[in-house]
Amino acid sequence: TGSNDTDYALDLTRHACESGADGVLVVTPYYNKATQKGLIRMFSEIADVSTAPVILYNVPSRTGCNIEPATVAALAEHPNISGIKEASGDISKIADIMALCGDKIDLYSGNDDQIVPILSLGGKGCISVLSNPLPRKTTEICRTFFAGDVAGAAPLQHKLLPLIHALFRGVNPI
């Protein structure tokens, strides 16, 4: 329900909640390149009107706007912000997020080539493109990891890397 226009994002969030959404995924504002202070204000306003849990969506390669770890930590204090879909690709910053937030926020991999690394940093799962053509295989990676078989989860992901790379070769949704 994200937008580069906060008022429109508020309307989309209200509509999604009124329609029975179990949660809302809110992307950083694209094109506007908001400040970190602006991101805190925008996400907080959206979380204030949402009756469903809010998951932040950090995908700076598509929006031109990155949520910094300290900003995620500030937002994790909001009672209605429950998670973040992390698609920055910056494993160091993702590790910083988990070090700052711990169990205050659920971390989800937003990059299918980083499922296992993000799970190893405390991730709860993935919000995935790969899961559309291969839902069982994507689930198997996570289930294998959570069953304690990290050494078995990694090759499952490795085997799918050619498809993962192909899915991102062109712009979505091509």
Protein backbone atom coordinates (compact mmCIF):
# COMPACT_ATOMS: atom_id res chain seq x y z
CA THR A 1 0.00 0.00 0.00
CA GLY A 2 3.02 2.25 -0.33
CA SER A 3 3.28 5.27 -2.59
CA ASN A 4 5.45 8.32 -3.07
CA ASP A 5 2.42 10.31 -1.85
CA THR A 6 1.74 9.75 1.85
CA ASP A 7 -1.93 10.74 1.61
CA TYR A 8 -2.45 8.19 -1.18
CA ALA A 9 -0.58 5.52 0.83
CA LEU A 10 -2.87 6.25 3.79
CA ASP A 11 -5.92 5.81 1.55
CA LEU A 12 -4.55 2.57 0.09
CA THR A 13 -3.78 1.24 3.57
CA ARG A 14 -7.25 2.10 4.90
CA HIS A 15 -8.85 0.45 1.85
CA ALA A 16 -6.72 -2.69 2.23
CA CYS A 17 -7.61 -2.96 5.92
CA GLU A 18 -11.32 -2.35 5.29
CA SER A 19 -11.17 -5.07 2.62
CA GLY A 20 -9.81 -7.59 5.13
CA ALA A 21 -6.06 -7.60 4.43
CA ASP A 22 -4.07 -9.62 6.95
CA GLY A 23 -1.18 -7.18 6.62
CA VAL A 24 0.16 -4.40 4.44
CA LEU A 25 3.50 -4.13 2.68
CA VAL A 26 4.63 -0.51 2.44
CA VAL A 27 7.46 0.41 0.10
CA THR A 28 9.69 3.43 0.55
CA PRO A 29 8.52 6.43 -1.46
CA TYR A 30 9.88 6.09 -4.96
CA TYR A 31 11.30 9.07 -6.83
CA ASN A 32 11.05 11.47 -3.86
CA LYS A 33 14.21 10.23 -2.09
CA ALA A 34 12.89 10.95 1.39
CA THR A 35 15.16 11.68 4.35
CA GLN A 36 15.38 9.17 7.19
CA LYS A 37 13.34 11.54 9.36
CA GLY A 38 10.75 11.74 6.57
CA LEU A 39 10.64 7.93 6.34
CA ILE A 40 9.97 7.65 10.07
CA ARG A 41 7.14 10.13 9.79
CA MET A 42 5.59 8.53 6.69
CA PHE A 43 5.78 4.92 7.92
CA SER A 44 4.52 5.95 11.37
CA GLU A 45 1.51 7.76 9.90
CA ILE A 46 0.67 4.71 7.80
CA ALA A 47 1.08 2.37 10.77
CA ASP A 48 -1.15 4.65 12.84
CA VAL A 49 -4.09 4.22 10.43
CA SER A 50 -3.53 0.54 9.66
CA THR A 51 -5.59 -2.04 11.52
CA ALA A 52 -3.33 -4.75 10.09
CA PRO A 53 0.37 -5.33 10.78
CA VAL A 54 2.70 -3.23 8.62
CA ILE A 55 5.74 -4.67 6.88
CA LEU A 56 8.27 -2.13 5.64
CA TYR A 57 9.66 -2.79 2.14
CA ASN A 58 13.22 -1.66 1.53
CA VAL A 59 14.15 -1.92 -2.15
CA PRO A 60 16.44 1.02 -2.92
CA SER A 61 17.41 -0.28 -6.37
CA ARG A 62 13.83 0.32 -7.49
CA THR A 63 12.85 3.33 -5.39
CA GLY A 64 16.08 5.29 -5.01
CA CYS A 65 15.42 5.43 -1.26
CA ASN A 66 17.06 3.26 1.42
CA ILE A 67 15.88 2.68 4.98
CA GLU A 68 18.96 2.90 7.20
CA PRO A 69 19.34 0.43 10.11
CA ALA A 70 18.86 3.15 12.77
CA THR A 71 15.63 4.18 11.03
CA VAL A 72 14.39 0.58 11.06
CA ALA A 73 15.22 0.42 14.77
CA ALA A 74 13.21 3.59 15.42
CA LEU A 75 10.27 2.24 13.40
CA ALA A 76 10.44 -1.14 15.16
CA GLU A 77 9.28 0.66 18.30
CA HIS A 78 5.89 1.33 16.66
CA PRO A 79 3.44 -1.31 17.92
CA ASN A 80 1.94 -1.87 14.47
CA ILE A 81 5.17 -2.21 12.47
CA SER A 82 5.90 -5.91 12.58
CA GLY A 83 8.46 -6.61 9.87
CA ILE A 84 10.70 -5.57 7.03
CA LYS A 85 11.13 -7.06 3.59
CA GLU A 86 14.82 -6.39 3.02
CA ALA A 87 15.83 -6.17 -0.62
CA SER A 88 18.75 -3.76 -0.37
CA GLY A 89 21.25 -6.54 -0.99
CA ASP A 90 23.55 -5.05 1.65
CA ILE A 91 24.19 -7.94 4.04
CA SER A 92 26.24 -5.73 6.38
CA LYS A 93 23.36 -3.30 6.84
CA ILE A 94 20.92 -6.17 7.22
CA ALA A 95 23.12 -7.56 10.00
CA ASP A 96 23.09 -4.10 11.58
CA ILE A 97 19.27 -4.07 11.47
CA MET A 98 19.09 -7.33 13.38
CA ALA A 99 21.75 -6.22 15.86
CA LEU A 100 19.75 -3.05 16.57
CA CYS A 101 16.26 -4.57 16.49
CA GLY A 102 16.54 -8.16 17.65
CA ASP A 103 13.06 -9.59 18.09
CA LYS A 104 11.34 -6.20 17.79
CA ILE A 105 10.95 -6.73 14.03
CA ASP A 106 10.56 -9.75 11.75
CA LEU A 107 13.10 -9.80 8.94
CA TYR A 108 12.16 -11.26 5.56
CA SER A 109 14.46 -11.76 2.61
CA GLY A 110 13.34 -9.72 -0.36
CA ASN A 111 16.11 -11.05 -2.60
CA ASP A 112 15.80 -14.69 -3.58
CA ASP A 113 19.57 -15.08 -3.91
CA GLN A 114 19.93 -14.13 -0.22
CA ILE A 115 17.33 -16.32 1.48
CA VAL A 116 19.78 -18.49 3.43
CA PRO A 117 22.14 -15.63 4.39
CA ILE A 118 19.24 -13.55 5.68
CA LEU A 119 17.77 -16.49 7.58
CA SER A 120 21.18 -16.95 9.20
CA LEU A 121 21.03 -13.35 10.44
CA GLY A 122 17.70 -14.00 12.18
CA GLY A 123 15.32 -13.80 9.24
CA LYS A 124 11.85 -15.31 9.57
CA GLY A 125 11.39 -16.22 5.90
CA CYS A 126 11.13 -14.56 2.53
CA ILE A 127 8.71 -12.49 0.51
CA SER A 128 9.73 -13.91 -2.78
CA VAL A 129 9.53 -13.69 -6.56
CA LEU A 130 10.87 -17.25 -6.86
CA SER A 131 7.94 -18.53 -4.81
CA ASN A 132 5.57 -17.69 -7.64
CA PRO A 133 6.93 -20.26 -10.15
CA LEU A 134 8.40 -22.60 -7.48
CA PRO A 135 6.48 -22.27 -4.19
CA ARG A 136 7.39 -25.75 -2.92
CA LYS A 137 11.10 -25.34 -3.66
CA THR A 138 11.19 -21.91 -1.99
CA THR A 139 9.39 -23.30 1.05
CA GLU A 140 11.80 -26.24 1.13
CA ILE A 141 14.79 -23.88 1.47
CA CYS A 142 13.22 -22.21 4.50
CA ARG A 143 11.93 -25.41 6.09
CA THR A 144 15.31 -27.09 5.70
CA PHE A 145 17.04 -24.11 7.30
CA PHE A 146 14.57 -23.93 10.20
CA ALA A 147 14.88 -27.68 10.77
CA GLY A 148 18.51 -26.95 11.64
CA ASP A 149 20.03 -28.14 8.38
CA VAL A 150 21.79 -24.98 7.21
CA ALA A 151 24.28 -27.07 5.25
CA GLY A 152 21.34 -28.63 3.40
CA ALA A 153 19.47 -25.36 2.80
CA ALA A 154 22.36 -23.62 1.06
CA PRO A 155 22.68 -26.10 -1.86
CA LEU A 156 18.90 -25.98 -2.37
CA GLN A 157 19.24 -22.24 -2.94
CA HIS A 158 22.41 -22.66 -5.02
CA LYS A 159 20.62 -25.06 -7.37
CA LEU A 160 17.95 -22.42 -8.04
CA LEU A 161 20.36 -19.52 -8.70
CA PRO A 162 20.13 -19.78 -12.52
CA LEU A 163 16.35 -19.37 -12.34
CA ILE A 164 16.63 -16.65 -9.68
CA HIS A 165 19.03 -14.70 -11.90
CA ALA A 166 16.78 -15.23 -14.93
CA LEU A 167 13.77 -13.89 -13.03
CA PHE A 168 15.65 -10.64 -12.42
CA ARG A 169 17.34 -10.35 -15.82
CA GLY A 170 14.67 -7.97 -17.11
CA VAL A 171 12.56 -5.46 -15.29
CA ASN A 172 9.53 -6.77 -13.44
CA PRO A 173 6.90 -7.77 -14.37
CA ILE A 174 8.32 -8.70 -17.79
